[in-house]
Amino acid sequence: MTPAELAEAVLSAAHAVFAERGLDRAALPGRTAVERPRNPEHGDYASTLALQLSKKVGVPPRELATALAEQLGRTSGVKSVEIAGPGFLNIRLDAAAAGQLARAIVEAGPAYGESAVLAGQKINLEFVSANPTGPVHIGGVRWAAVGDALSRLLRATGAEVGTEYYFNDAGSQIDRFARSLLAAARGEPAPEDGYGGAYIAEIAEQVRAKRPEVGTLDPAAAQEVFRAEGVALMFEEIKASLRSFGVEFDTYFNEKDLHDRGELEHALTRLREQGHLFEADGATWLRTTDFGDDKDRVLRKSNGEWTYFAADCAYYLDKRERGFDRVVIMLGADHHGYLGRMKAMAACFGDDPAVNLEILIGQLVNLVRDGEPVRMSKRAGTVVSLEDLVDAIGVDASRYVLARYSSDSPIDIDVELWTRATRDNPVYYVQYVAARTASVGRNAAEVGLTRGDADAFRPELLDHDKENELLKALAEFPAVVAAAADLREPHRVARYLEELAGAYHRFYDNCRILPRGDEEVTDLHRARLWLNDATRTVIANGLRLLGVSAPERM
């Protein structure tokens, strides 16, 4: 019996009690939930439904809990129901009902953990969006890992998701990039406000090889060549780096398209229709202070130039007009000041900022070696790049460590720890369970042990304390996935996998799965192989949500 099935049984018991007592069934929720007690001695699961319903129907909570316990106790698979405190229900399942979960997980395979809790939501998820003026730095890599994991979680819980990379190919930073390439091509120092690093010289040389005539052009024309070709080369490198990191986007959106298609004018028209534009000092302003911003924002300057914020407005409107109900944007810690203006902008379009726009802020990441921060990349010149991180600890460890912590917490990534093949390395600890469960399966086949027909599976044999502990941990996975998606917190999956790995190791150490020597294969061996394979399934499913491999050998 899964937690969801038990929750349904609790709700069915409530319906029966309400019918018997003539209570108002309109007070009953559409669904309820059960949770694992912190103290295992209190039972397998607990429910607070009696406490939730007591005031609504005017029945003392313990009296209502007593009626619910009597009714629920008649449910097949429920061993006992005890009432605790003011009206908590502590529920114990019999071994057969608990053990059935192993078969359910194996049969569900990759689908175990998926749900439809976010079905009907159409979400645009934008992340990374690093300017095409240099390699992806370690802060952007954090969003690559977290954003990709979040997109997998949202899809696993039923949402329709479009992932997006905003390609900022217009503006002053592109001018500085082009001037830097031109200077490198001429053997001159980088401009004072330009970009340094070996990659600038590399790209400049690639442009010269592709467009040899650039050396004969006047400075202005040559700079335009370096702008067009250099940006294209840099962005292809960024996409290739992210692809090697396991991250692909559904849409790569060019800022320049907003200008070329007249979308900034379109956004201006919409905002004017909403009554939130005004003219002052020859410029066009958006009155964002009406919606809590600390000051009004210029959209078009007195010289006719558009501001970055005007492009932000047009891009947001474009996403909404493409049919996305919710726009989720992941930004670095240096963008915290954007929150107020972006929320106000959504309100100016007539949207509800609490519903239609969500901004996630990520904190800084440092790479540490021998106790000292790695300051910069030789190639990137000023930052630690995606390639530096992957070269130091590998793709799997990089994705895992970046997704393992809450995004609003800074991270120091210790190279020594995350490359260590020991149990204190979290990704090794989890992946080792993936490999160990696969090894058990191979060894079982060698001695003629198979799970056998599903109908012959005897779940009631899984009555050891460590088997019960592992089953309860496996049962939590769908709820963890749902919570991680809803709260935008992929780290919940990583921390769950580490807890599950611990439960499996304790099971493995205390419950012999394979027969010894000439020992006859029994139903208990088969039942434990079901449990082993169920663990393999959940570990693999969880790691896949994080974009991390589940190796069969280590």
Protein backbone atom coordinates (compact mmCIF):
# COMPACT_ATOMS: atom_id res chain seq x y z
CA MET A 1 0.00 0.00 0.00
CA THR A 2 1.42 3.37 -1.04
CA PRO A 3 0.99 6.56 1.04
CA ALA A 4 -1.43 7.82 -1.61
CA GLU A 5 -3.52 4.65 -1.33
CA LEU A 6 -3.52 4.89 2.47
CA ALA A 7 -4.56 8.55 2.27
CA GLU A 8 -7.48 7.50 0.06
CA ALA A 9 -8.42 4.85 2.64
CA VAL A 10 -8.37 7.50 5.41
CA LEU A 11 -10.64 9.74 3.34
CA SER A 12 -12.97 6.84 2.55
CA ALA A 13 -13.19 6.10 6.27
CA ALA A 14 -14.11 9.74 6.88
CA HIS A 15 -16.89 9.54 4.27
CA ALA A 16 -18.28 6.44 5.98
CA VAL A 17 -18.15 8.07 9.43
CA PHE A 18 -19.86 11.22 8.17
CA ALA A 19 -22.59 9.15 6.52
CA GLU A 20 -23.20 7.12 9.70
CA ARG A 21 -23.40 10.24 11.88
CA GLY A 22 -25.29 12.44 9.44
CA LEU A 23 -22.48 15.01 9.35
CA ASP A 24 -22.12 17.55 6.55
CA ARG A 25 -20.01 15.84 3.91
CA ALA A 26 -19.34 19.21 2.28
CA ALA A 27 -16.79 19.71 5.07
CA LEU A 28 -14.70 16.82 3.75
CA PRO A 29 -11.66 17.73 1.62
CA GLY A 30 -11.23 16.47 -1.92
CA ARG A 31 -8.11 14.67 -0.79
CA THR A 32 -5.92 14.29 2.26
CA ALA A 33 -2.41 13.11 3.01
CA VAL A 34 -0.58 10.92 5.47
CA GLU A 35 2.96 11.45 6.71
CA ARG A 36 5.68 9.46 8.36
CA PRO A 37 5.96 10.10 12.12
CA ARG A 38 9.34 11.34 13.27
CA ASN A 39 9.41 8.55 15.84
CA PRO A 40 8.98 5.13 14.15
CA GLU A 41 7.50 3.80 17.42
CA HIS A 42 4.41 5.90 16.72
CA GLY A 43 3.54 3.83 13.66
CA ASP A 44 4.16 3.69 9.95
CA TYR A 45 2.04 6.72 9.06
CA ALA A 46 0.06 9.47 10.78
CA SER A 47 -3.01 11.49 9.83
CA THR A 48 -4.32 14.78 11.24
CA LEU A 49 -7.67 14.59 9.44
CA ALA A 50 -9.71 14.39 12.65
CA LEU A 51 -8.07 17.60 13.91
CA GLN A 52 -8.71 19.35 10.58
CA LEU A 53 -12.41 18.43 10.50
CA SER A 54 -13.33 18.76 14.17
CA LYS A 55 -14.24 22.47 14.27
CA LYS A 56 -16.00 22.35 10.91
CA VAL A 57 -18.51 19.73 12.09
CA GLY A 58 -18.61 20.51 15.82
CA VAL A 59 -17.36 17.11 17.01
CA PRO A 60 -14.52 16.87 19.57
CA PRO A 61 -11.33 15.78 17.77
CA ARG A 62 -10.68 12.66 19.87
CA GLU A 63 -14.27 11.53 19.42
CA LEU A 64 -13.98 12.00 15.67
CA ALA A 65 -10.58 10.31 15.67
CA THR A 66 -12.03 7.32 17.54
CA ALA A 67 -14.73 6.88 14.91
CA LEU A 68 -12.20 7.23 12.10
CA ALA A 69 -9.87 4.72 13.74
CA GLU A 70 -12.65 2.13 14.07
CA GLN A 71 -13.65 2.55 10.44
CA LEU A 72 -10.08 2.64 9.08
CA GLY A 73 -9.15 -0.43 11.14
CA ARG A 74 -11.52 -2.48 8.93
CA THR A 75 -9.48 -1.58 5.83
CA SER A 76 -7.52 -4.42 4.28
CA GLY A 77 -3.80 -3.96 4.91
CA VAL A 78 -4.21 -1.75 7.97
CA LYS A 79 -2.85 -3.61 10.98
CA SER A 80 -3.81 -1.10 13.67
CA VAL A 81 -4.83 2.51 14.28
CA GLU A 82 -4.04 4.29 17.53
CA ILE A 83 -5.18 7.70 18.73
CA ALA A 84 -2.53 10.01 20.12
CA GLY A 85 -2.64 13.45 21.72
CA PRO A 86 -5.65 15.58 20.86
CA GLY A 87 -6.66 13.43 17.89
CA PHE A 88 -3.74 12.21 15.81
CA LEU A 89 -4.20 8.89 14.02
CA ASN A 90 -1.11 6.67 14.15
CA ILE A 91 -1.44 3.93 11.56
CA ARG A 92 0.42 0.66 11.18
CA LEU A 93 0.25 -1.48 8.05
CA ASP A 94 0.59 -5.23 8.00
CA ALA A 95 3.69 -6.60 6.33
CA ALA A 96 1.82 -7.77 3.24
CA ALA A 97 0.33 -4.35 2.57
CA ALA A 98 3.65 -2.59 3.16
CA GLY A 99 5.60 -5.08 1.04
CA GLN A 100 3.27 -4.76 -1.95
CA LEU A 101 4.97 -1.45 -2.63
CA ALA A 102 8.11 -3.22 -3.88
CA ARG A 103 6.17 -4.88 -6.68
CA ALA A 104 4.28 -1.66 -7.49
CA ILE A 105 7.56 0.24 -7.88
CA VAL A 106 9.23 -2.37 -10.09
CA GLU A 107 6.16 -2.63 -12.30
CA ALA A 108 5.86 1.18 -12.59
CA GLY A 109 9.55 1.49 -13.49
CA PRO A 110 10.51 4.98 -14.71
CA ALA A 111 6.96 6.22 -14.04
CA TYR A 112 7.21 5.67 -10.28
CA GLY A 113 7.30 9.09 -8.64
CA GLU A 114 5.42 10.81 -11.44
CA SER A 115 2.05 12.43 -10.81
CA ALA A 116 -0.43 14.93 -12.21
CA VAL A 117 -0.38 17.37 -9.30
CA LEU A 118 0.70 20.25 -11.58
CA ALA A 119 -1.36 19.16 -14.59
CA GLY A 120 -2.90 22.07 -16.45
CA GLN A 121 -0.06 24.48 -15.69
CA LYS A 122 1.85 25.84 -18.67
CA ILE A 123 5.19 27.16 -17.42
CA ASN A 124 7.96 29.01 -19.21
CA LEU A 125 11.23 28.35 -17.39
CA GLU A 126 14.14 30.63 -18.28
CA PHE A 127 17.56 29.92 -16.83
CA VAL A 128 21.27 30.50 -17.43
CA SER A 129 20.81 33.22 -20.15
CA ALA A 130 24.48 34.20 -19.83
CA ASN A 131 25.60 37.01 -22.12
CA PRO A 132 27.44 35.69 -25.22
CA THR A 133 30.59 37.56 -24.27
CA GLY A 134 32.47 34.70 -22.58
CA PRO A 135 32.26 31.10 -21.35
CA VAL A 136 29.52 30.13 -18.89
CA HIS A 137 30.84 30.97 -15.42
CA ILE A 138 30.30 28.85 -12.34
CA GLY A 139 27.27 30.89 -11.20
CA GLY A 140 25.57 30.23 -14.53
CA VAL A 141 26.46 26.57 -14.21
CA ARG A 142 24.48 26.46 -10.97
CA TRP A 143 21.39 27.60 -12.83
CA ALA A 144 22.08 25.09 -15.60
CA ALA A 145 22.00 22.24 -13.07
CA VAL A 146 19.12 23.58 -10.97
CA GLY A 147 17.05 24.80 -13.91
CA ASP A 148 17.36 21.57 -15.85
CA ALA A 149 16.50 19.53 -12.75
CA LEU A 150 13.51 21.78 -12.08
CA SER A 151 12.24 21.37 -15.64
CA ARG A 152 12.41 17.58 -15.20
CA LEU A 153 10.55 17.81 -11.88
CA LEU A 154 7.82 20.04 -13.28
CA ARG A 155 7.27 17.68 -16.20
CA ALA A 156 7.27 14.66 -13.89
CA THR A 157 4.40 16.24 -11.95
CA GLY A 158 2.27 17.00 -14.98
CA ALA A 159 3.13 20.58 -15.94
CA GLU A 160 3.67 21.60 -19.55
CA VAL A 161 7.11 23.22 -19.56
CA GLY A 162 9.03 25.25 -22.10
CA THR A 163 12.70 25.82 -21.24
CA GLU A 164 14.28 28.96 -22.58
CA TYR A 165 17.65 30.66 -22.93
CA TYR A 166 17.51 34.43 -23.50
CA PHE A 167 20.29 35.26 -25.91
CA ASN A 168 21.25 38.87 -25.20
CA ASP A 169 22.75 39.83 -28.56
CA ALA A 170 22.01 43.55 -28.36
CA GLY A 171 23.40 46.25 -26.15
CA SER A 172 26.60 47.82 -24.85
CA GLN A 173 28.19 44.58 -23.59
CA ILE A 174 28.18 43.26 -27.18
CA ASP A 175 29.91 46.47 -28.31
CA ARG A 176 32.62 45.92 -25.69
CA PHE A 177 32.98 42.29 -26.79
CA ALA A 178 33.41 43.30 -30.43
CA ARG A 179 35.99 45.96 -29.54
CA SER A 180 37.88 43.37 -27.46
CA LEU A 181 38.00 40.95 -30.41
CA LEU A 182 39.19 43.68 -32.76
CA ALA A 183 41.95 44.67 -30.32
CA ALA A 184 43.07 41.04 -29.95
CA ALA A 185 43.17 40.62 -33.73
CA ARG A 186 45.43 43.67 -33.98
CA GLY A 187 47.67 42.52 -31.14
CA GLU A 188 46.55 45.43 -28.97
CA PRO A 189 45.62 45.37 -25.26
CA ALA A 190 41.96 44.82 -24.41
CA PRO A 191 39.95 48.05 -24.04
CA GLU A 192 39.69 49.30 -20.47
CA ASP A 193 36.02 48.28 -20.34
CA GLY A 194 36.52 45.19 -22.50
CA TYR A 195 36.96 41.47 -21.96
CA GLY A 196 40.21 39.60 -21.32
CA GLY A 197 41.22 35.98 -21.30
CA ALA A 198 42.65 33.55 -23.80
CA TYR A 199 39.22 32.84 -25.28
CA ILE A 200 39.10 36.37 -26.77
CA ALA A 201 42.27 35.74 -28.77
CA GLU A 202 40.96 32.29 -29.80
CA ILE A 203 37.70 33.69 -31.13
CA ALA A 204 39.41 36.61 -32.85
CA GLU A 205 41.65 34.12 -34.68
CA GLN A 206 38.63 32.03 -35.71
CA VAL A 207 36.91 35.12 -37.10
CA ARG A 208 40.05 36.06 -39.08
CA ALA A 209 40.24 32.53 -40.49
CA LYS A 210 36.60 32.61 -41.50
CA ARG A 211 36.61 36.20 -42.79
CA PRO A 212 40.17 36.94 -43.94
CA GLU A 213 39.07 40.21 -45.52
CA VAL A 214 38.45 41.64 -42.06
CA GLY A 215 42.08 42.74 -41.91
CA THR A 216 41.54 45.12 -44.85
CA LEU A 217 38.43 46.83 -43.47
CA ASP A 218 38.29 50.14 -41.68
CA PRO A 219 37.90 49.90 -37.87
CA ALA A 220 34.13 50.47 -37.83
CA ALA A 221 33.43 47.85 -40.51
CA ALA A 222 35.90 45.40 -38.96
CA GLN A 223 34.24 45.81 -35.57
CA GLU A 224 30.86 44.91 -37.10
CA VAL A 225 32.36 41.75 -38.58
CA PHE A 226 33.84 40.79 -35.22
CA ARG A 227 30.49 41.56 -33.57
CA ALA A 228 28.42 39.33 -35.87
CA GLU A 229 30.88 36.48 -36.25
CA GLY A 230 32.29 36.62 -32.72
CA VAL A 231 28.89 36.56 -31.03
CA ALA A 232 27.81 33.61 -33.19
CA LEU A 233 30.98 31.68 -32.36
CA MET A 234 30.75 32.46 -28.65
CA PHE A 235 27.13 31.41 -28.47
CA GLU A 236 27.81 28.16 -30.30
CA GLU A 237 30.53 27.47 -27.74
CA ILE A 238 28.11 28.21 -24.89
CA LYS A 239 25.51 25.86 -26.36
CA ALA A 240 28.11 23.14 -26.88
CA SER A 241 29.32 23.51 -23.28
CA LEU A 242 25.79 23.25 -21.92
CA ARG A 243 25.04 20.30 -24.19
CA SER A 244 28.09 18.46 -22.84
CA PHE A 245 26.70 19.22 -19.37
CA GLY A 246 23.43 17.53 -20.34
CA VAL A 247 21.41 20.72 -20.74
CA GLU A 248 19.38 21.50 -23.86
CA PHE A 249 16.79 24.25 -24.22
CA ASP A 250 13.50 24.11 -26.09
CA THR A 251 13.97 27.72 -27.21
CA TYR A 252 16.95 29.99 -27.70
CA PHE A 253 15.42 33.46 -27.84
CA ASN A 254 17.35 36.34 -29.41
CA GLU A 255 16.90 39.77 -27.86
CA LYS A 256 17.57 41.27 -31.28
CA ASP A 257 14.35 39.67 -32.53
CA LEU A 258 12.36 41.78 -30.07
CA HIS A 259 13.73 44.89 -31.77
CA ASP A 260 13.48 43.58 -35.34
CA ARG A 261 9.87 42.40 -34.96
CA GLY A 262 8.66 45.60 -33.33
CA GLU A 263 7.82 43.87 -30.06
CA LEU A 264 9.07 46.75 -27.93
CA GLU A 265 6.59 49.07 -29.65
CA HIS A 266 3.90 46.43 -29.16
CA ALA A 267 4.65 46.24 -25.44
CA LEU A 268 4.59 50.03 -25.21
CA THR A 269 1.15 50.06 -26.83
CA ARG A 270 -0.18 47.48 -24.39
CA LEU A 271 1.17 49.38 -21.39
CA ARG A 272 -0.28 52.62 -22.72
CA GLU A 273 -3.67 50.93 -23.07
CA GLN A 274 -3.40 49.85 -19.44
CA GLY A 275 -2.85 53.49 -18.48
CA HIS A 276 0.57 53.14 -16.89
CA LEU A 277 2.80 55.16 -19.27
CA PHE A 278 3.69 58.80 -18.98
CA GLU A 279 6.04 61.24 -20.68
CA ALA A 280 8.58 63.32 -18.77
CA ASP A 281 11.80 65.10 -19.80
CA GLY A 282 11.33 63.84 -23.34
CA ALA A 283 11.42 60.20 -22.22
CA THR A 284 8.72 57.53 -21.95
CA TRP A 285 8.26 56.13 -18.44
CA LEU A 286 6.40 53.22 -16.84
CA ARG A 287 4.73 54.11 -13.56
CA THR A 288 5.85 51.02 -11.65
CA THR A 289 5.58 52.83 -8.31
CA ASP A 290 1.83 52.22 -8.52
CA PHE A 291 2.67 48.57 -7.82
CA GLY A 292 5.33 48.84 -5.13
CA ASP A 293 8.50 49.58 -7.10
CA ASP A 294 10.87 52.06 -5.45
CA LYS A 295 10.88 54.35 -8.51
CA ASP A 296 9.33 54.67 -11.95
CA ARG A 297 11.26 53.21 -14.87
CA VAL A 298 12.33 54.68 -18.19
CA LEU A 299 11.41 52.58 -21.24
CA ARG A 300 12.58 54.90 -24.00
CA LYS A 301 15.16 57.62 -23.45
CA SER A 302 14.82 61.18 -24.69
CA ASN A 303 17.20 60.34 -27.58
CA GLY A 304 14.87 57.56 -28.73
CA GLU A 305 17.00 54.67 -27.48
CA TRP A 306 15.31 51.78 -25.71
CA THR A 307 16.36 50.77 -22.19
CA TYR A 308 17.13 47.22 -21.09
CA PHE A 309 13.94 47.31 -19.04
CA ALA A 310 11.90 47.97 -22.19
CA ALA A 311 13.28 44.73 -23.62
CA ASP A 312 12.41 42.95 -20.35
CA CYS A 313 8.82 44.18 -20.71
CA ALA A 314 8.57 43.07 -24.33
CA TYR A 315 10.09 39.67 -23.58
CA TYR A 316 7.70 39.04 -20.69
CA LEU A 317 4.72 39.97 -22.88
CA ASP A 318 6.00 37.73 -25.66
CA LYS A 319 6.08 34.75 -23.28
CA ARG A 320 2.57 35.43 -22.03
CA GLU A 321 1.25 35.80 -25.58
CA ARG A 322 2.82 32.46 -26.48
CA GLY A 323 0.35 30.94 -24.02
CA PHE A 324 2.44 30.47 -20.89
CA ASP A 325 0.39 30.92 -17.70
CA ARG A 326 3.43 31.28 -15.48
CA VAL A 327 6.79 32.83 -16.31
CA VAL A 328 9.62 31.56 -14.10
CA ILE A 329 12.96 33.36 -14.35
CA MET A 330 16.15 32.28 -12.57
CA LEU A 331 18.58 35.10 -11.81
CA GLY A 332 21.90 35.46 -10.02
CA ALA A 333 22.41 37.11 -6.66
CA ASP A 334 23.44 40.38 -8.32
CA HIS A 335 19.92 40.70 -9.78
CA HIS A 336 18.07 40.90 -6.47
CA GLY A 337 17.12 44.50 -7.26
CA TYR A 338 15.13 43.32 -10.28
CA LEU A 339 12.42 41.73 -8.16
CA GLY A 340 10.41 44.87 -7.44
CA ARG A 341 10.48 46.29 -10.95
CA MET A 342 9.69 42.94 -12.61
CA LYS A 343 6.74 42.24 -10.33
CA ALA A 344 5.47 45.79 -10.88
CA MET A 345 5.90 45.38 -14.65
CA ALA A 346 3.72 42.25 -14.64
CA ALA A 347 1.06 44.14 -12.72
CA CYS A 348 1.24 47.00 -15.26
CA PHE A 349 0.31 44.49 -17.96
CA GLY A 350 -2.77 43.54 -15.92
CA ASP A 351 -1.33 40.27 -14.63
CA ASP A 352 -1.23 38.99 -11.08
CA PRO A 353 2.49 38.96 -10.17
CA ALA A 354 1.86 36.27 -7.57
CA VAL A 355 0.41 33.96 -10.22
CA ASN A 356 1.95 34.86 -13.57
CA LEU A 357 5.55 35.73 -12.66
CA GLU A 358 8.01 33.94 -10.43
CA ILE A 359 11.62 35.01 -9.94
CA LEU A 360 14.15 32.72 -8.28
CA ILE A 361 17.43 34.16 -7.00
CA GLY A 362 20.54 31.99 -6.73
CA GLN A 363 23.49 32.67 -4.50
CA LEU A 364 27.21 32.49 -5.27
CA VAL A 365 29.27 29.37 -5.91
CA ASN A 366 32.98 28.97 -5.16
CA LEU A 367 35.32 26.19 -6.24
CA VAL A 368 37.77 25.33 -3.46
CA ARG A 369 41.00 23.36 -3.78
CA ASP A 370 43.29 22.57 -0.84
CA GLY A 371 41.17 24.84 1.32
CA GLU A 372 41.69 27.86 -0.95
CA PRO A 373 39.23 29.31 -3.48
CA VAL A 374 40.07 28.74 -7.14
CA ARG A 375 40.09 32.37 -8.25
CA MET A 376 39.90 32.27 -12.01
CA SER A 377 40.21 30.26 -15.18
CA LYS A 378 43.31 30.64 -17.32
CA ARG A 379 41.13 30.56 -20.41
CA ALA A 380 38.21 32.70 -19.21
CA GLY A 381 40.54 35.19 -17.59
CA THR A 382 38.30 36.45 -14.80
CA VAL A 383 35.98 33.63 -13.77
CA VAL A 384 35.79 29.90 -13.06
CA SER A 385 33.93 28.40 -16.01
CA LEU A 386 31.73 25.39 -16.62
CA GLU A 387 34.67 23.53 -18.15
CA ASP A 388 36.84 24.28 -15.11
CA LEU A 389 34.23 22.77 -12.78
CA VAL A 390 33.69 19.69 -14.95
CA ASP A 391 37.43 19.17 -15.38
CA ALA A 392 37.83 19.34 -11.60
CA ILE A 393 35.04 16.98 -10.43
CA GLY A 394 33.16 15.62 -13.48
CA VAL A 395 29.67 16.17 -14.88
CA ASP A 396 27.74 13.93 -12.46
CA ALA A 397 29.34 15.39 -9.34
CA SER A 398 28.95 18.93 -10.69
CA ARG A 399 25.25 18.53 -11.40
CA TYR A 400 24.63 16.77 -8.11
CA VAL A 401 26.44 19.25 -5.87
CA LEU A 402 24.84 22.26 -7.57
CA ALA A 403 21.35 20.78 -7.21
CA ARG A 404 21.96 19.46 -3.69
CA TYR A 405 21.72 22.81 -1.92
CA SER A 406 18.90 25.31 -1.69
CA SER A 407 19.45 27.93 -4.38
CA ASP A 408 19.38 30.75 -1.83
CA SER A 409 22.43 29.29 -0.05
CA PRO A 410 26.03 29.98 -1.17
CA ILE A 411 28.10 26.87 -2.00
CA ASP A 412 31.79 26.11 -1.57
CA ILE A 413 32.58 23.10 -3.75
CA ASP A 414 35.53 21.21 -2.28
CA VAL A 415 37.35 19.48 -5.14
CA GLU A 416 38.93 16.93 -2.81
CA LEU A 417 35.57 15.89 -1.30
CA TRP A 418 33.64 15.64 -4.55
CA THR A 419 36.26 13.49 -6.28
CA ARG A 420 36.68 11.09 -3.36
CA ALA A 421 35.43 7.49 -3.81
CA THR A 422 34.19 7.30 -0.22
CA ARG A 423 30.86 7.44 1.57
CA ASP A 424 31.41 11.03 2.69
CA ASN A 425 31.09 12.09 -0.96
CA PRO A 426 27.29 12.38 -1.35
CA VAL A 427 27.10 11.64 -5.07
CA TYR A 428 29.38 8.60 -4.66
CA TYR A 429 27.25 7.44 -1.71
CA VAL A 430 24.06 7.52 -3.80
CA GLN A 431 25.57 6.19 -7.02
CA TYR A 432 27.15 3.34 -5.09
CA VAL A 433 23.64 2.13 -4.20
CA ALA A 434 22.71 2.27 -7.89
CA ALA A 435 25.75 0.13 -8.69
CA ARG A 436 25.28 -2.22 -5.72
CA THR A 437 21.61 -2.95 -6.53
CA ALA A 438 22.59 -3.66 -10.13
CA SER A 439 25.39 -5.95 -8.93
CA VAL A 440 22.95 -7.85 -6.72
CA GLY A 441 20.75 -8.37 -9.78
CA ARG A 442 23.67 -9.76 -11.80
CA ASN A 443 24.81 -12.02 -8.97
CA ALA A 444 21.26 -13.26 -8.44
CA ALA A 445 21.02 -14.28 -12.09
CA GLU A 446 24.28 -16.21 -11.78
CA VAL A 447 22.89 -18.35 -8.94
CA GLY A 448 19.50 -18.84 -10.58
CA LEU A 449 17.60 -16.38 -8.37
CA THR A 450 14.91 -14.40 -10.15
CA ARG A 451 11.99 -12.38 -8.83
CA GLY A 452 9.61 -14.86 -10.37
CA ASP A 453 6.01 -14.25 -11.38
CA ALA A 454 4.49 -11.16 -9.81
CA ASP A 455 1.47 -13.17 -8.64
CA ALA A 456 3.77 -15.47 -6.67
CA PHE A 457 5.44 -12.56 -4.85
CA ARG A 458 4.97 -12.91 -1.08
CA PRO A 459 5.22 -9.38 0.36
CA GLU A 460 4.25 -10.53 3.87
CA LEU A 461 7.72 -12.05 4.18
CA LEU A 462 9.26 -8.57 4.22
CA ASP A 463 8.72 -8.13 7.95
CA HIS A 464 12.23 -7.31 9.15
CA ASP A 465 12.66 -3.87 10.74
CA LYS A 466 15.19 -2.84 8.10
CA GLU A 467 12.92 -4.03 5.31
CA ASN A 468 10.09 -1.99 6.76
CA GLU A 469 12.35 1.05 7.09
CA LEU A 470 13.43 0.74 3.45
CA LEU A 471 9.85 0.29 2.23
CA LYS A 472 8.73 3.42 4.08
CA ALA A 473 11.60 5.37 2.55
CA LEU A 474 10.68 4.13 -0.95
CA ALA A 475 7.07 5.11 -0.36
CA GLU A 476 8.06 8.74 0.24
CA PHE A 477 9.49 9.30 -3.24
CA PRO A 478 6.33 10.53 -5.03
CA ALA A 479 5.64 13.05 -2.26
CA VAL A 480 9.25 14.27 -2.36
CA VAL A 481 9.06 14.77 -6.13
CA ALA A 482 5.76 16.64 -5.86
CA ALA A 483 7.07 18.91 -3.10
CA ALA A 484 10.35 19.57 -4.93
CA ALA A 485 8.46 20.61 -8.06
CA ASP A 486 5.86 22.72 -6.28
CA LEU A 487 8.41 24.51 -4.06
CA ARG A 488 11.03 24.77 -6.88
CA GLU A 489 13.54 22.94 -4.68
CA PRO A 490 15.40 20.14 -6.50
CA HIS A 491 17.69 19.78 -3.49
CA ARG A 492 14.87 17.89 -1.76
CA VAL A 493 15.38 15.02 -4.21
CA ALA A 494 19.14 14.86 -3.57
CA ARG A 495 18.73 14.85 0.20
CA TYR A 496 16.01 12.19 -0.07
CA LEU A 497 18.27 9.98 -2.19
CA GLU A 498 20.97 10.16 0.48
CA GLU A 499 18.46 9.09 3.14
CA LEU A 500 17.26 6.28 0.89
CA ALA A 501 20.84 5.17 0.29
CA GLY A 502 21.35 4.91 4.05
CA ALA A 503 18.17 2.84 4.44
CA TYR A 504 19.30 0.50 1.65
CA HIS A 505 22.76 0.00 3.17
CA ARG A 506 21.17 -0.92 6.51
CA PHE A 507 18.82 -3.36 4.76
CA TYR A 508 21.71 -4.88 2.79
CA ASP A 509 23.82 -5.32 5.92
CA ASN A 510 21.03 -7.00 7.91
CA CYS A 511 18.96 -8.93 5.36
CA ARG A 512 20.64 -11.53 3.19
CA ILE A 513 19.34 -11.27 -0.38
CA LEU A 514 21.31 -14.02 -2.14
CA PRO A 515 21.36 -17.67 -1.00
CA ARG A 516 24.65 -18.91 0.44
CA GLY A 517 26.51 -21.75 -1.24
CA ASP A 518 24.13 -24.63 -1.96
CA GLU A 519 21.30 -23.03 0.01
CA GLU A 520 17.92 -23.45 -1.68
CA VAL A 521 16.32 -20.36 -3.20
CA THR A 522 13.29 -19.43 -1.11
CA ASP A 523 10.36 -17.04 -1.40
CA LEU A 524 12.13 -14.75 1.05
CA HIS A 525 15.12 -14.45 -1.29
CA ARG A 526 12.72 -13.60 -4.13
CA ALA A 527 10.85 -11.08 -2.02
CA ARG A 528 14.09 -9.36 -1.05
CA LEU A 529 15.17 -9.27 -4.70
CA TRP A 530 11.92 -7.40 -5.46
CA LEU A 531 12.86 -4.92 -2.74
CA ASN A 532 16.42 -4.62 -4.08
CA ASP A 533 15.14 -3.93 -7.59
CA ALA A 534 12.57 -1.44 -6.30
CA THR A 535 15.41 0.48 -4.67
CA ARG A 536 17.37 0.43 -7.92
CA THR A 537 14.30 1.86 -9.68
CA VAL A 538 13.84 4.73 -7.24
CA ILE A 539 17.53 5.62 -7.09
CA ALA A 540 17.66 5.70 -10.90
CA ASN A 541 14.46 7.74 -11.15
CA GLY A 542 15.70 10.25 -8.60
CA LEU A 543 19.12 10.64 -10.17
CA ARG A 544 17.51 11.06 -13.60
CA LEU A 545 15.48 13.98 -12.25
CA LEU A 546 18.77 15.61 -11.26
CA GLY A 547 20.37 14.80 -14.62
CA VAL A 548 22.84 12.42 -12.96
CA SER A 549 23.66 8.89 -14.14
CA ALA A 550 22.78 5.74 -12.19
CA PRO A 551 25.80 3.51 -12.96
CA GLU A 552 25.54 -0.26 -13.02
CA ARG A 553 29.18 -0.62 -12.04
CA MET A 554 31.62 1.54 -10.08
